[in-house]
Amino acid sequence: MHLKNTRAHYGVSSIALHWLMFGLIVLAYGSIELKGMFDKESDVRFWIKNLHHAIGLLILGLVGVRLLLQWIQLTPLIAPAPSAMQAIAARWGHIALYGFMFFTPLAGWLMVSAKAKTIWFFGLNVPSLVTPDPLWAERFEDLHEVLGQIGYALIALHVAAALFNHYVLKDNTLIRMWPTRKKE
């Protein structure tokens, strides 16, 4: 398997980053759901909340890395080529996913900043983005939650599209991003 993308397949760097982001998003959703199972003042809840923040910041940073990789590397071709409508739908679907992966953690960071709370990133104190303001904290919290709900739908559509392309259209969309494959 190649480190960089080829015309036929994504390279190790793109594949690893894709699946790492998937894992981090699962952990972000899981941690926020798990947090609610513990008392507000418990150490476990505090630890889980901090883990959620750190994961969000990792996702935010890795989105930039993914966009950079997309900009400097080839994009493997889909074979057989999709229709123009499918290509447009895929493009907008990816734009929506990247928007979700960027704006959801950013809204969370803004929310915590507006609440005058500290974000810890694996032991480092992350600076606030805005001055404390309860009204803005509530707005950012609402935005963060709405984006989180939208994320469920976007992820489901992304997975459904990949499976549809693989099993119905029988193209190489899924195979291009799959970690293991037959030698070329």
N, C-alpha and C. Protein backbone atom coordinates (compact mmCIF):
# COMPACT_ATOMS: atom_id res chain seq x y z
N MET A 1 0.85 -1.18 0.00
CA MET A 1 0.00 0.00 0.00
C MET A 1 0.89 1.23 0.00
N HIS A 2 0.50 2.21 -0.74
CA HIS A 2 1.28 3.43 -0.90
C HIS A 2 1.03 4.39 0.26
N LEU A 3 2.04 5.19 0.56
CA LEU A 3 1.89 6.23 1.58
C LEU A 3 0.98 7.33 1.06
N LYS A 4 1.17 7.70 -0.20
CA LYS A 4 0.37 8.78 -0.81
C LYS A 4 -0.73 8.18 -1.67
N ASN A 5 -1.70 8.99 -1.96
CA ASN A 5 -2.81 8.57 -2.82
C ASN A 5 -2.31 8.29 -4.23
N THR A 6 -2.97 7.32 -4.87
CA THR A 6 -2.75 7.04 -6.29
C THR A 6 -4.07 7.30 -7.01
N ARG A 7 -4.08 7.15 -8.30
CA ARG A 7 -5.33 7.32 -9.05
C ARG A 7 -6.34 6.21 -8.73
N ALA A 8 -5.87 5.09 -8.17
CA ALA A 8 -6.76 3.96 -7.90
C ALA A 8 -7.19 3.83 -6.44
N HIS A 9 -6.39 4.37 -5.53
CA HIS A 9 -6.64 4.10 -4.10
C HIS A 9 -6.07 5.20 -3.24
N TYR A 10 -6.73 5.41 -2.09
CA TYR A 10 -6.17 6.34 -1.12
C TYR A 10 -4.93 5.72 -0.49
N GLY A 11 -3.97 6.56 -0.14
CA GLY A 11 -2.74 6.09 0.50
C GLY A 11 -2.94 5.88 1.99
N VAL A 12 -1.92 5.33 2.62
CA VAL A 12 -1.96 5.02 4.05
C VAL A 12 -2.28 6.26 4.88
N SER A 13 -1.70 7.40 4.53
CA SER A 13 -1.92 8.60 5.33
C SER A 13 -3.39 9.03 5.29
N SER A 14 -4.00 9.02 4.13
CA SER A 14 -5.41 9.41 4.01
C SER A 14 -6.33 8.40 4.69
N ILE A 15 -6.04 7.12 4.49
CA ILE A 15 -6.87 6.07 5.09
C ILE A 15 -6.76 6.12 6.61
N ALA A 16 -5.55 6.23 7.12
CA ALA A 16 -5.36 6.27 8.58
C ALA A 16 -6.06 7.47 9.18
N LEU A 17 -5.95 8.60 8.53
CA LEU A 17 -6.60 9.82 9.03
C LEU A 17 -8.12 9.70 8.98
N HIS A 18 -8.65 9.12 7.92
CA HIS A 18 -10.10 8.92 7.80
C HIS A 18 -10.62 8.07 8.96
N TRP A 19 -9.99 6.93 9.20
CA TRP A 19 -10.46 6.00 10.23
C TRP A 19 -10.14 6.51 11.63
N LEU A 20 -9.06 7.26 11.79
CA LEU A 20 -8.78 7.90 13.08
C LEU A 20 -9.87 8.92 13.41
N MET A 21 -10.25 9.72 12.42
CA MET A 21 -11.33 10.69 12.62
C MET A 21 -12.63 9.98 12.97
N PHE A 22 -12.91 8.89 12.30
CA PHE A 22 -14.11 8.11 12.61
C PHE A 22 -14.08 7.66 14.08
N GLY A 23 -12.95 7.11 14.50
CA GLY A 23 -12.81 6.66 15.89
C GLY A 23 -12.96 7.80 16.88
N LEU A 24 -12.36 8.94 16.58
CA LEU A 24 -12.46 10.09 17.47
C LEU A 24 -13.90 10.61 17.56
N ILE A 25 -14.60 10.61 16.44
CA ILE A 25 -16.00 11.05 16.46
C ILE A 25 -16.85 10.09 17.28
N VAL A 26 -16.62 8.80 17.14
CA VAL A 26 -17.33 7.82 17.97
C VAL A 26 -17.03 8.07 19.44
N LEU A 27 -15.76 8.32 19.77
CA LEU A 27 -15.39 8.61 21.17
C LEU A 27 -16.01 9.92 21.67
N ALA A 28 -16.09 10.92 20.81
CA ALA A 28 -16.70 12.19 21.21
C ALA A 28 -18.18 11.98 21.54
N TYR A 29 -18.89 11.29 20.67
CA TYR A 29 -20.30 11.00 20.94
C TYR A 29 -20.45 10.11 22.17
N GLY A 30 -19.63 9.08 22.25
CA GLY A 30 -19.71 8.16 23.39
C GLY A 30 -19.41 8.84 24.71
N SER A 31 -18.40 9.69 24.72
CA SER A 31 -18.03 10.35 25.97
C SER A 31 -19.12 11.30 26.46
N ILE A 32 -19.77 12.01 25.55
CA ILE A 32 -20.80 12.95 25.98
C ILE A 32 -22.03 12.19 26.46
N GLU A 33 -22.32 11.04 25.87
CA GLU A 33 -23.44 10.23 26.35
C GLU A 33 -23.10 9.60 27.70
N LEU A 34 -21.87 9.16 27.85
CA LEU A 34 -21.42 8.53 29.10
C LEU A 34 -21.39 9.54 30.25
N LYS A 35 -21.03 10.77 29.95
CA LYS A 35 -20.95 11.82 30.97
C LYS A 35 -22.24 11.96 31.75
N GLY A 36 -23.36 11.85 31.05
CA GLY A 36 -24.66 12.01 31.68
C GLY A 36 -25.01 10.94 32.69
N MET A 37 -24.24 9.88 32.75
CA MET A 37 -24.51 8.79 33.70
C MET A 37 -23.93 9.04 35.08
N PHE A 38 -23.17 10.12 35.22
CA PHE A 38 -22.49 10.39 36.48
C PHE A 38 -22.96 11.70 37.08
N ASP A 39 -22.88 11.79 38.42
CA ASP A 39 -23.27 13.01 39.13
C ASP A 39 -22.44 14.19 38.64
N LYS A 40 -23.06 15.36 38.63
CA LYS A 40 -22.39 16.57 38.12
C LYS A 40 -21.08 16.87 38.84
N GLU A 41 -20.97 16.55 40.08
CA GLU A 41 -19.76 16.88 40.85
C GLU A 41 -18.77 15.73 40.93
N SER A 42 -19.03 14.63 40.25
CA SER A 42 -18.14 13.47 40.36
C SER A 42 -16.85 13.67 39.57
N ASP A 43 -15.79 13.05 40.06
CA ASP A 43 -14.51 13.10 39.37
C ASP A 43 -14.58 12.41 38.01
N VAL A 44 -15.34 11.33 37.93
CA VAL A 44 -15.45 10.59 36.67
C VAL A 44 -16.10 11.47 35.61
N ARG A 45 -17.17 12.16 35.98
CA ARG A 45 -17.83 13.06 35.03
C ARG A 45 -16.88 14.16 34.58
N PHE A 46 -16.11 14.72 35.49
CA PHE A 46 -15.13 15.76 35.16
C PHE A 46 -14.10 15.22 34.17
N TRP A 47 -13.60 14.01 34.42
CA TRP A 47 -12.61 13.39 33.54
C TRP A 47 -13.20 13.13 32.16
N ILE A 48 -14.43 12.61 32.11
CA ILE A 48 -15.07 12.31 30.82
C ILE A 48 -15.31 13.60 30.04
N LYS A 49 -15.75 14.65 30.74
CA LYS A 49 -15.99 15.93 30.07
C LYS A 49 -14.68 16.48 29.49
N ASN A 50 -13.60 16.38 30.25
CA ASN A 50 -12.30 16.84 29.75
C ASN A 50 -11.83 16.00 28.56
N LEU A 51 -12.11 14.71 28.62
CA LEU A 51 -11.77 13.83 27.49
C LEU A 51 -12.56 14.26 26.25
N HIS A 52 -13.84 14.56 26.42
CA HIS A 52 -14.68 15.03 25.31
C HIS A 52 -14.11 16.31 24.70
N HIS A 53 -13.69 17.24 25.54
CA HIS A 53 -13.09 18.48 25.04
C HIS A 53 -11.82 18.21 24.26
N ALA A 54 -10.96 17.36 24.80
CA ALA A 54 -9.69 17.05 24.13
C ALA A 54 -9.92 16.37 22.79
N ILE A 55 -10.87 15.45 22.76
CA ILE A 55 -11.20 14.77 21.50
C ILE A 55 -11.72 15.79 20.48
N GLY A 56 -12.57 16.70 20.93
CA GLY A 56 -13.08 17.73 20.04
C GLY A 56 -11.97 18.58 19.45
N LEU A 57 -11.01 18.95 20.29
CA LEU A 57 -9.89 19.75 19.78
C LEU A 57 -9.02 18.94 18.81
N LEU A 58 -8.86 17.65 19.09
CA LEU A 58 -8.12 16.79 18.15
C LEU A 58 -8.83 16.74 16.80
N ILE A 59 -10.14 16.57 16.84
CA ILE A 59 -10.93 16.53 15.60
C ILE A 59 -10.76 17.86 14.85
N LEU A 60 -10.88 18.95 15.56
CA LEU A 60 -10.74 20.28 14.94
C LEU A 60 -9.38 20.42 14.26
N GLY A 61 -8.33 20.02 14.93
CA GLY A 61 -6.99 20.11 14.35
C GLY A 61 -6.79 19.16 13.18
N LEU A 62 -7.32 17.95 13.30
CA LEU A 62 -7.13 16.96 12.24
C LEU A 62 -7.93 17.28 10.98
N VAL A 63 -9.01 18.04 11.12
CA VAL A 63 -9.75 18.48 9.93
C VAL A 63 -8.82 19.30 9.04
N GLY A 64 -8.04 20.15 9.64
CA GLY A 64 -7.08 20.94 8.87
C GLY A 64 -6.05 20.07 8.17
N VAL A 65 -5.58 19.05 8.86
CA VAL A 65 -4.62 18.12 8.25
C VAL A 65 -5.26 17.39 7.08
N ARG A 66 -6.50 16.95 7.27
CA ARG A 66 -7.20 16.24 6.18
C ARG A 66 -7.38 17.15 4.96
N LEU A 67 -7.77 18.39 5.21
CA LEU A 67 -7.95 19.31 4.09
C LEU A 67 -6.63 19.57 3.37
N LEU A 68 -5.55 19.70 4.13
CA LEU A 68 -4.23 19.89 3.52
C LEU A 68 -3.86 18.68 2.67
N LEU A 69 -4.08 17.48 3.19
CA LEU A 69 -3.78 16.27 2.41
C LEU A 69 -4.61 16.22 1.12
N GLN A 70 -5.87 16.62 1.22
CA GLN A 70 -6.71 16.63 0.02
C GLN A 70 -6.19 17.61 -1.01
N TRP A 71 -5.66 18.71 -0.53
CA TRP A 71 -5.18 19.75 -1.42
C TRP A 71 -3.88 19.35 -2.13
N ILE A 72 -2.99 18.64 -1.42
CA ILE A 72 -1.68 18.33 -1.99
C ILE A 72 -1.60 16.95 -2.65
N GLN A 73 -2.63 16.10 -2.45
CA GLN A 73 -2.57 14.76 -3.01
C GLN A 73 -3.64 14.57 -4.09
N LEU A 74 -3.43 13.55 -4.88
CA LEU A 74 -4.42 13.15 -5.87
C LEU A 74 -5.67 12.63 -5.17
N THR A 75 -6.79 12.72 -5.84
CA THR A 75 -8.01 12.06 -5.36
C THR A 75 -8.22 10.85 -6.25
N PRO A 76 -8.26 9.66 -5.66
CA PRO A 76 -8.47 8.46 -6.48
C PRO A 76 -9.77 8.54 -7.28
N LEU A 77 -9.73 8.02 -8.48
CA LEU A 77 -10.90 8.03 -9.35
C LEU A 77 -11.89 6.96 -8.93
N ILE A 78 -13.16 7.27 -9.11
CA ILE A 78 -14.21 6.28 -8.87
C ILE A 78 -14.43 5.55 -10.19
N ALA A 79 -14.45 4.21 -10.10
CA ALA A 79 -14.66 3.40 -11.30
C ALA A 79 -15.77 2.39 -11.02
N PRO A 80 -16.76 2.33 -11.86
CA PRO A 80 -17.00 3.22 -12.98
C PRO A 80 -17.37 4.63 -12.51
N ALA A 81 -17.13 5.59 -13.37
CA ALA A 81 -17.35 7.00 -13.03
C ALA A 81 -18.81 7.25 -12.66
N PRO A 82 -19.05 8.05 -11.62
CA PRO A 82 -20.42 8.35 -11.23
C PRO A 82 -21.08 9.34 -12.19
N SER A 83 -22.39 9.39 -12.12
CA SER A 83 -23.11 10.38 -12.91
C SER A 83 -22.80 11.77 -12.36
N ALA A 84 -23.13 12.79 -13.12
CA ALA A 84 -22.88 14.17 -12.67
C ALA A 84 -23.64 14.46 -11.38
N MET A 85 -24.86 13.99 -11.27
CA MET A 85 -25.66 14.22 -10.06
C MET A 85 -25.04 13.51 -8.85
N GLN A 86 -24.56 12.31 -9.04
CA GLN A 86 -23.91 11.59 -7.94
C GLN A 86 -22.64 12.32 -7.50
N ALA A 87 -21.89 12.81 -8.45
CA ALA A 87 -20.66 13.54 -8.12
C ALA A 87 -20.98 14.81 -7.34
N ILE A 88 -22.02 15.52 -7.75
CA ILE A 88 -22.43 16.74 -7.03
C ILE A 88 -22.90 16.39 -5.62
N ALA A 89 -23.70 15.33 -5.50
CA ALA A 89 -24.19 14.91 -4.18
C ALA A 89 -23.03 14.51 -3.27
N ALA A 90 -22.07 13.79 -3.82
CA ALA A 90 -20.90 13.37 -3.04
C ALA A 90 -20.10 14.59 -2.59
N ARG A 91 -19.93 15.53 -3.49
CA ARG A 91 -19.17 16.75 -3.16
C ARG A 91 -19.83 17.51 -2.02
N TRP A 92 -21.14 17.73 -2.12
CA TRP A 92 -21.85 18.46 -1.08
C TRP A 92 -21.91 17.67 0.22
N GLY A 93 -21.99 16.34 0.10
CA GLY A 93 -21.96 15.51 1.30
C GLY A 93 -20.64 15.64 2.05
N HIS A 94 -19.54 15.67 1.30
CA HIS A 94 -18.23 15.83 1.93
C HIS A 94 -18.06 17.23 2.50
N ILE A 95 -18.56 18.23 1.81
CA ILE A 95 -18.49 19.60 2.35
C ILE A 95 -19.26 19.67 3.66
N ALA A 96 -20.43 19.04 3.70
CA ALA A 96 -21.23 19.03 4.94
C ALA A 96 -20.50 18.30 6.06
N LEU A 97 -19.87 17.17 5.74
CA LEU A 97 -19.12 16.44 6.76
C LEU A 97 -17.94 17.26 7.30
N TYR A 98 -17.21 17.89 6.41
CA TYR A 98 -16.08 18.72 6.86
C TYR A 98 -16.57 19.90 7.68
N GLY A 99 -17.69 20.49 7.26
CA GLY A 99 -18.28 21.57 8.04
C GLY A 99 -18.66 21.10 9.43
N PHE A 100 -19.27 19.94 9.51
CA PHE A 100 -19.62 19.34 10.80
C PHE A 100 -18.38 19.13 11.67
N MET A 101 -17.33 18.55 11.06
CA MET A 101 -16.12 18.24 11.84
C MET A 101 -15.36 19.50 12.26
N PHE A 102 -15.57 20.60 11.56
CA PHE A 102 -14.92 21.86 11.94
C PHE A 102 -15.79 22.66 12.91
N PHE A 103 -17.04 22.90 12.55
CA PHE A 103 -17.87 23.82 13.32
C PHE A 103 -18.40 23.23 14.63
N THR A 104 -18.58 21.92 14.71
CA THR A 104 -19.06 21.34 15.96
C THR A 104 -18.05 21.51 17.09
N PRO A 105 -16.79 21.12 16.92
CA PRO A 105 -15.84 21.36 18.02
C PRO A 105 -15.57 22.85 18.25
N LEU A 106 -15.59 23.64 17.18
CA LEU A 106 -15.39 25.08 17.35
C LEU A 106 -16.52 25.67 18.21
N ALA A 107 -17.76 25.27 17.95
CA ALA A 107 -18.89 25.75 18.76
C ALA A 107 -18.74 25.30 20.20
N GLY A 108 -18.24 24.08 20.41
CA GLY A 108 -18.00 23.61 21.77
C GLY A 108 -16.94 24.43 22.48
N TRP A 109 -15.88 24.73 21.79
CA TRP A 109 -14.80 25.56 22.36
C TRP A 109 -15.32 26.95 22.69
N LEU A 110 -16.10 27.53 21.79
CA LEU A 110 -16.70 28.84 22.04
C LEU A 110 -17.65 28.80 23.24
N MET A 111 -18.42 27.72 23.34
CA MET A 111 -19.36 27.56 24.46
C MET A 111 -18.62 27.52 25.79
N VAL A 112 -17.61 26.68 25.88
CA VAL A 112 -16.85 26.55 27.13
C VAL A 112 -16.16 27.88 27.45
N SER A 113 -15.63 28.54 26.44
CA SER A 113 -15.00 29.84 26.65
C SER A 113 -16.01 30.86 27.19
N ALA A 114 -17.20 30.90 26.60
CA ALA A 114 -18.22 31.86 27.03
C ALA A 114 -18.74 31.54 28.43
N LYS A 115 -18.63 30.27 28.84
CA LYS A 115 -19.03 29.88 30.20
C LYS A 115 -17.92 30.17 31.21
N ALA A 116 -16.79 30.69 30.75
CA ALA A 116 -15.63 31.00 31.59
C ALA A 116 -15.07 29.74 32.26
N LYS A 117 -15.15 28.63 31.54
CA LYS A 117 -14.60 27.37 32.05
C LYS A 117 -13.29 27.07 31.32
N THR A 118 -12.53 26.20 31.89
CA THR A 118 -11.23 25.84 31.34
C THR A 118 -11.34 24.61 30.46
N ILE A 119 -10.65 24.65 29.35
CA ILE A 119 -10.51 23.46 28.50
C ILE A 119 -9.09 22.96 28.68
N TRP A 120 -9.00 21.68 29.01
CA TRP A 120 -7.70 21.04 29.15
C TRP A 120 -7.49 20.14 27.95
N PHE A 121 -6.34 20.28 27.34
CA PHE A 121 -5.97 19.44 26.20
C PHE A 121 -4.78 18.61 26.62
N PHE A 122 -5.06 17.44 27.17
CA PHE A 122 -4.03 16.52 27.64
C PHE A 122 -3.02 17.22 28.54
N GLY A 123 -3.56 17.93 29.55
CA GLY A 123 -2.73 18.59 30.55
C GLY A 123 -2.41 20.04 30.27
N LEU A 124 -2.68 20.52 29.07
CA LEU A 124 -2.42 21.91 28.73
C LEU A 124 -3.71 22.71 28.80
N ASN A 125 -3.63 23.91 29.35
CA ASN A 125 -4.77 24.80 29.43
C ASN A 125 -4.92 25.52 28.09
N VAL A 126 -6.06 25.34 27.43
CA VAL A 126 -6.32 25.94 26.13
C VAL A 126 -6.91 27.34 26.33
N PRO A 127 -6.44 28.33 25.61
CA PRO A 127 -6.96 29.69 25.80
C PRO A 127 -8.42 29.81 25.38
N SER A 128 -9.11 30.72 26.03
CA SER A 128 -10.51 31.01 25.67
C SER A 128 -10.55 31.76 24.35
N LEU A 129 -11.61 31.54 23.61
CA LEU A 129 -11.78 32.22 22.33
C LEU A 129 -12.58 33.50 22.46
N VAL A 130 -13.43 33.57 23.49
CA VAL A 130 -14.28 34.75 23.70
C VAL A 130 -14.31 35.07 25.19
N THR A 131 -14.75 36.28 25.49
CA THR A 131 -14.90 36.66 26.89
C THR A 131 -16.17 36.01 27.44
N PRO A 132 -16.22 35.78 28.74
CA PRO A 132 -17.40 35.14 29.34
C PRO A 132 -18.67 35.94 29.08
N ASP A 133 -19.71 35.22 28.70
CA ASP A 133 -21.00 35.85 28.44
C ASP A 133 -22.07 34.75 28.49
N PRO A 134 -22.94 34.76 29.51
CA PRO A 134 -23.94 33.69 29.66
C PRO A 134 -24.88 33.55 28.46
N LEU A 135 -25.26 34.67 27.85
CA LEU A 135 -26.16 34.60 26.69
C LEU A 135 -25.49 33.90 25.52
N TRP A 136 -24.25 34.29 25.24
CA TRP A 136 -23.51 33.65 24.15
C TRP A 136 -23.17 32.20 24.48
N ALA A 137 -22.92 31.93 25.74
CA ALA A 137 -22.65 30.54 26.15
C ALA A 137 -23.85 29.66 25.80
N GLU A 138 -25.04 30.15 26.07
CA GLU A 138 -26.26 29.39 25.77
C GLU A 138 -26.43 29.23 24.26
N ARG A 139 -26.16 30.28 23.52
CA ARG A 139 -26.28 30.19 22.05
C ARG A 139 -25.29 29.19 21.47
N PHE A 140 -24.04 29.26 21.93
CA PHE A 140 -23.04 28.32 21.44
C PHE A 140 -23.37 26.89 21.85
N GLU A 141 -23.92 26.73 23.05
CA GLU A 141 -24.31 25.39 23.51
C GLU A 141 -25.42 24.84 22.61
N ASP A 142 -26.42 25.67 22.31
CA ASP A 142 -27.50 25.24 21.41
C ASP A 142 -26.94 24.86 20.04
N LEU A 143 -26.04 25.68 19.51
CA LEU A 143 -25.43 25.41 18.21
C LEU A 143 -24.64 24.10 18.25
N HIS A 144 -23.86 23.91 19.31
CA HIS A 144 -23.06 22.69 19.46
C HIS A 144 -23.96 21.46 19.48
N GLU A 145 -25.07 21.54 20.20
CA GLU A 145 -25.98 20.41 20.29
C GLU A 145 -26.69 20.14 18.96
N VAL A 146 -27.12 21.20 18.27
CA VAL A 146 -27.78 21.03 16.97
C VAL A 146 -26.81 20.42 15.96
N LEU A 147 -25.59 20.93 15.94
CA LEU A 147 -24.58 20.36 15.03
C LEU A 147 -24.30 18.90 15.37
N GLY A 148 -24.28 18.57 16.65
CA GLY A 148 -24.10 17.18 17.06
C GLY A 148 -25.21 16.29 16.54
N GLN A 149 -26.45 16.77 16.59
CA GLN A 149 -27.58 16.00 16.07
C GLN A 149 -27.49 15.87 14.54
N ILE A 150 -27.12 16.95 13.89
CA ILE A 150 -26.95 16.91 12.43
C ILE A 150 -25.85 15.91 12.07
N GLY A 151 -24.82 15.84 12.91
CA GLY A 151 -23.72 14.91 12.68
C GLY A 151 -24.19 13.46 12.58
N TYR A 152 -25.14 13.07 13.42
CA TYR A 152 -25.67 11.70 13.34
C TYR A 152 -26.21 11.42 11.95
N ALA A 153 -27.00 12.38 11.42
CA ALA A 153 -27.59 12.20 10.09
C ALA A 153 -26.52 12.18 9.00
N LEU A 154 -25.55 13.08 9.09
CA LEU A 154 -24.49 13.13 8.08
C LEU A 154 -23.67 11.84 8.06
N ILE A 155 -23.36 11.34 9.24
CA ILE A 155 -22.59 10.09 9.32
C ILE A 155 -23.39 8.93 8.75
N ALA A 156 -24.68 8.87 9.09
CA ALA A 156 -25.53 7.81 8.56
C ALA A 156 -25.62 7.88 7.04
N LEU A 157 -25.77 9.09 6.51
CA LEU A 157 -25.83 9.25 5.06
C LEU A 157 -24.51 8.86 4.39
N HIS A 158 -23.40 9.22 5.04
CA HIS A 158 -22.08 8.90 4.51
C HIS A 158 -21.89 7.38 4.42
N VAL A 159 -22.24 6.69 5.50
CA VAL A 159 -22.12 5.24 5.53
C VAL A 159 -23.08 4.60 4.52
N ALA A 160 -24.33 5.08 4.49
CA ALA A 160 -25.32 4.54 3.55
C ALA A 160 -24.86 4.74 2.11
N ALA A 161 -24.31 5.91 1.80
CA ALA A 161 -23.83 6.17 0.44
C ALA A 161 -22.68 5.24 0.07
N ALA A 162 -21.75 5.05 1.01
CA ALA A 162 -20.62 4.14 0.73
C ALA A 162 -21.11 2.72 0.48
N LEU A 163 -22.06 2.26 1.30
CA LEU A 163 -22.60 0.91 1.12
C LEU A 163 -23.42 0.80 -0.17
N PHE A 164 -24.21 1.83 -0.47
CA PHE A 164 -24.99 1.85 -1.71
C PHE A 164 -24.05 1.77 -2.92
N ASN A 165 -23.00 2.57 -2.91
CA ASN A 165 -22.05 2.55 -4.02
C ASN A 165 -21.39 1.18 -4.16
N HIS A 166 -21.08 0.57 -3.02
CA HIS A 166 -20.38 -0.71 -3.05
C HIS A 166 -21.29 -1.86 -3.50
N TYR A 167 -22.47 -1.95 -2.87
CA TYR A 167 -23.33 -3.12 -3.10
C TYR A 167 -24.34 -2.95 -4.24
N VAL A 168 -24.77 -1.73 -4.51
CA VAL A 168 -25.76 -1.53 -5.56
C VAL A 168 -25.09 -1.07 -6.86
N LEU A 169 -24.33 0.02 -6.78
CA LEU A 169 -23.66 0.52 -7.98
C LEU A 169 -22.42 -0.28 -8.34
N LYS A 170 -21.90 -0.99 -7.35
CA LYS A 170 -20.71 -1.86 -7.53
C LYS A 170 -19.50 -1.08 -8.08
N ASP A 171 -19.31 0.13 -7.53
CA ASP A 171 -18.12 0.88 -7.91
C ASP A 171 -17.07 0.73 -6.80
N ASN A 172 -15.97 1.43 -6.95
CA ASN A 172 -14.85 1.26 -6.02
C ASN A 172 -14.80 2.32 -4.91
N THR A 173 -15.90 3.04 -4.69
CA THR A 173 -15.92 4.12 -3.70
C THR A 173 -15.45 3.63 -2.33
N LEU A 174 -16.03 2.55 -1.85
CA LEU A 174 -15.68 2.03 -0.53
C LEU A 174 -14.28 1.41 -0.52
N ILE A 175 -13.97 0.68 -1.55
CA ILE A 175 -12.67 -0.02 -1.62
C ILE A 175 -11.51 0.97 -1.60
N ARG A 176 -11.68 2.15 -2.19
CA ARG A 176 -10.60 3.13 -2.24
C ARG A 176 -10.16 3.57 -0.84
N MET A 177 -11.09 3.56 0.14
CA MET A 177 -10.79 4.05 1.49
C MET A 177 -10.66 2.91 2.50
N TRP A 178 -10.83 1.68 2.04
CA TRP A 178 -10.76 0.54 2.96
C TRP A 178 -9.30 0.26 3.32
N PRO A 179 -9.02 -0.02 4.61
CA PRO A 179 -7.62 -0.20 5.04
C PRO A 179 -6.88 -1.36 4.39
N THR A 180 -7.56 -2.44 4.08
CA THR A 180 -6.88 -3.59 3.46
C THR A 180 -7.46 -3.83 2.09
N ARG A 181 -6.60 -4.25 1.19
CA ARG A 181 -7.06 -4.56 -0.16
C ARG A 181 -6.07 -5.50 -0.82
N LYS A 182 -6.48 -6.04 -1.94
CA LYS A 182 -5.58 -6.89 -2.72
C LYS A 182 -4.50 -6.01 -3.33
N LYS A 183 -3.34 -6.63 -3.57
CA LYS A 183 -2.24 -5.88 -4.21
C LYS A 183 -2.65 -5.47 -5.61
N GLU A 184 -2.18 -4.26 -5.99
CA GLU A 184 -2.48 -3.75 -7.32
C GLU A 184 -1.64 -4.43 -8.37
